[in-house]
Amino acid sequence: MEDSDGCRATDLAAHYLLHTSTVSRQISALEQLGYVERRTDPGDHRVRVLHLTASGTEALRGVTANRRALMHRRLTTWDAADLDRFAAYLRRYNATGGQPQPHRPHPMTSRATTS
């Protein structure tokens, strides 16, 4: 939402692979806190677009800074090779673009059932 001119709740649900009712409940809570507002889409007056408010943007910046600081503390003892592998795995993960992947059993689960 912060990287665009707003988005629809259905777009958030699709992006995060969540049911629309789950996203709707979360959006309602964020609206009550004053972090998000719904605006009518100028191109289609039937559509409501979600936008961060100034308070929402400020809260997001704080959460992002805290998350980065936590990540830094957790990774500070990792050597360069571990960080390179971790970065490669994150790039691979992010390359899926939030699209569901074919189901494959977890390796630990499949070992337990193939004795």
Protein backbone atom coordinates (compact mmCIF):
# COMPACT_ATOMS: atom_id res chain seq x y z
CA MET A 1 0.00 0.00 0.00
CA GLU A 2 2.84 2.40 0.85
CA ASP A 3 4.56 1.84 -2.51
CA SER A 4 1.58 2.68 -4.67
CA ASP A 5 -1.37 4.96 -5.08
CA GLY A 6 -3.35 2.75 -2.76
CA CYS A 7 -4.74 -0.71 -3.36
CA ARG A 8 -7.90 -2.72 -2.96
CA ALA A 9 -8.42 -5.13 -0.08
CA THR A 10 -8.80 -7.95 -2.61
CA ASP A 11 -5.34 -7.10 -4.00
CA LEU A 12 -3.85 -7.35 -0.49
CA ALA A 13 -5.57 -10.68 0.06
CA ALA A 14 -4.21 -12.04 -3.22
CA HIS A 15 -0.72 -10.72 -2.54
CA TYR A 16 -0.51 -12.25 0.93
CA LEU A 17 -2.45 -15.40 -0.02
CA LEU A 18 -5.13 -14.67 2.59
CA HIS A 19 -8.90 -14.92 2.54
CA THR A 20 -10.61 -11.59 1.87
CA SER A 21 -12.52 -11.80 5.16
CA THR A 22 -9.22 -11.98 7.06
CA VAL A 23 -7.89 -8.92 5.28
CA SER A 24 -11.18 -7.08 5.75
CA ARG A 25 -11.03 -7.58 9.54
CA GLN A 26 -7.43 -6.36 9.67
CA ILE A 27 -8.20 -3.34 7.50
CA SER A 28 -11.16 -2.43 9.74
CA ALA A 29 -8.88 -2.49 12.78
CA LEU A 30 -6.29 -0.33 11.01
CA GLU A 31 -9.04 2.07 9.97
CA GLN A 32 -10.24 2.41 13.57
CA LEU A 33 -6.67 3.17 14.64
CA GLY A 34 -6.48 5.88 11.99
CA TYR A 35 -3.71 4.20 9.98
CA VAL A 36 -5.72 3.47 6.82
CA GLU A 37 -8.54 5.19 4.99
CA ARG A 38 -10.77 4.05 2.15
CA ARG A 39 -11.23 6.35 -0.83
CA THR A 40 -13.42 6.00 -3.88
CA ASP A 41 -11.49 5.06 -7.01
CA PRO A 42 -11.83 8.00 -9.42
CA GLY A 43 -11.88 5.58 -12.37
CA ASP A 44 -14.59 3.33 -10.92
CA HIS A 45 -16.83 4.78 -8.22
CA ARG A 46 -17.88 1.28 -7.11
CA VAL A 47 -14.32 0.48 -5.98
CA ARG A 48 -12.86 1.53 -2.63
CA VAL A 49 -9.09 1.99 -2.54
CA LEU A 50 -7.06 1.73 0.66
CA HIS A 51 -4.52 4.44 1.47
CA LEU A 52 -2.17 4.94 4.39
CA THR A 53 -2.88 8.03 6.44
CA ALA A 54 -0.08 10.24 7.78
CA SER A 55 -0.33 8.31 11.08
CA GLY A 56 -0.19 5.03 9.18
CA THR A 57 2.91 6.12 7.28
CA GLU A 58 4.58 7.19 10.52
CA ALA A 59 3.70 3.90 12.24
CA LEU A 60 4.97 1.92 9.26
CA ARG A 61 8.29 3.79 9.31
CA GLY A 62 8.70 2.99 13.00
CA VAL A 63 7.88 -0.69 12.53
CA THR A 64 10.25 -0.90 9.56
CA ALA A 65 13.09 0.71 11.53
CA ASN A 66 12.52 -1.66 14.47
CA ARG A 67 12.39 -4.69 12.17
CA ARG A 68 15.66 -3.66 10.48
CA ALA A 69 17.37 -3.12 13.84
CA LEU A 70 16.22 -6.54 15.03
CA MET A 71 17.44 -8.19 11.83
CA HIS A 72 20.80 -6.44 12.22
CA ARG A 73 21.16 -7.67 15.82
CA ARG A 74 20.29 -11.24 14.82
CA LEU A 75 22.71 -11.33 11.90
CA THR A 76 25.63 -9.44 13.41
CA THR A 77 27.48 -12.64 14.38
CA TRP A 78 27.01 -14.39 11.02
CA ASP A 79 30.08 -14.69 8.81
CA ALA A 80 30.16 -13.48 5.20
CA ALA A 81 29.49 -16.94 3.73
CA ASP A 82 26.38 -17.40 5.88
CA LEU A 83 25.12 -13.93 4.96
CA ASP A 84 25.71 -14.63 1.25
CA ARG A 85 23.73 -17.89 1.45
CA PHE A 86 20.95 -16.20 3.40
CA ALA A 87 20.77 -13.37 0.83
CA ALA A 88 20.65 -15.92 -2.01
CA TYR A 89 17.78 -17.77 -0.33
CA LEU A 90 15.89 -14.52 0.24
CA ARG A 91 16.32 -13.54 -3.42
CA ARG A 92 15.04 -16.97 -4.44
CA TYR A 93 12.10 -16.68 -2.06
CA ASN A 94 11.23 -13.16 -3.24
CA ALA A 95 11.47 -14.23 -6.89
CA THR A 96 8.33 -16.32 -6.42
CA GLY A 97 6.48 -13.00 -6.27
CA GLY A 98 3.96 -14.22 -3.74
CA GLN A 99 2.63 -16.81 -6.15
CA PRO A 100 1.59 -20.13 -4.64
CA GLN A 101 4.07 -22.87 -5.38
CA PRO A 102 3.23 -26.52 -6.06
CA HIS A 103 2.87 -28.40 -2.79
CA ARG A 104 5.86 -30.50 -1.87
CA PRO A 105 5.99 -32.37 1.42
CA HIS A 106 8.38 -30.94 3.97
CA PRO A 107 11.62 -33.01 3.91
CA MET A 108 11.38 -33.86 7.61
CA THR A 109 7.77 -34.97 7.23
CA SER A 110 8.45 -37.18 4.22
CA ARG A 111 11.38 -38.90 5.98
CA ALA A 112 9.20 -39.80 8.92
CA THR A 113 6.61 -41.47 6.71
CA THR A 114 8.96 -43.35 4.35
CA SER A 115 10.48 -45.92 6.72
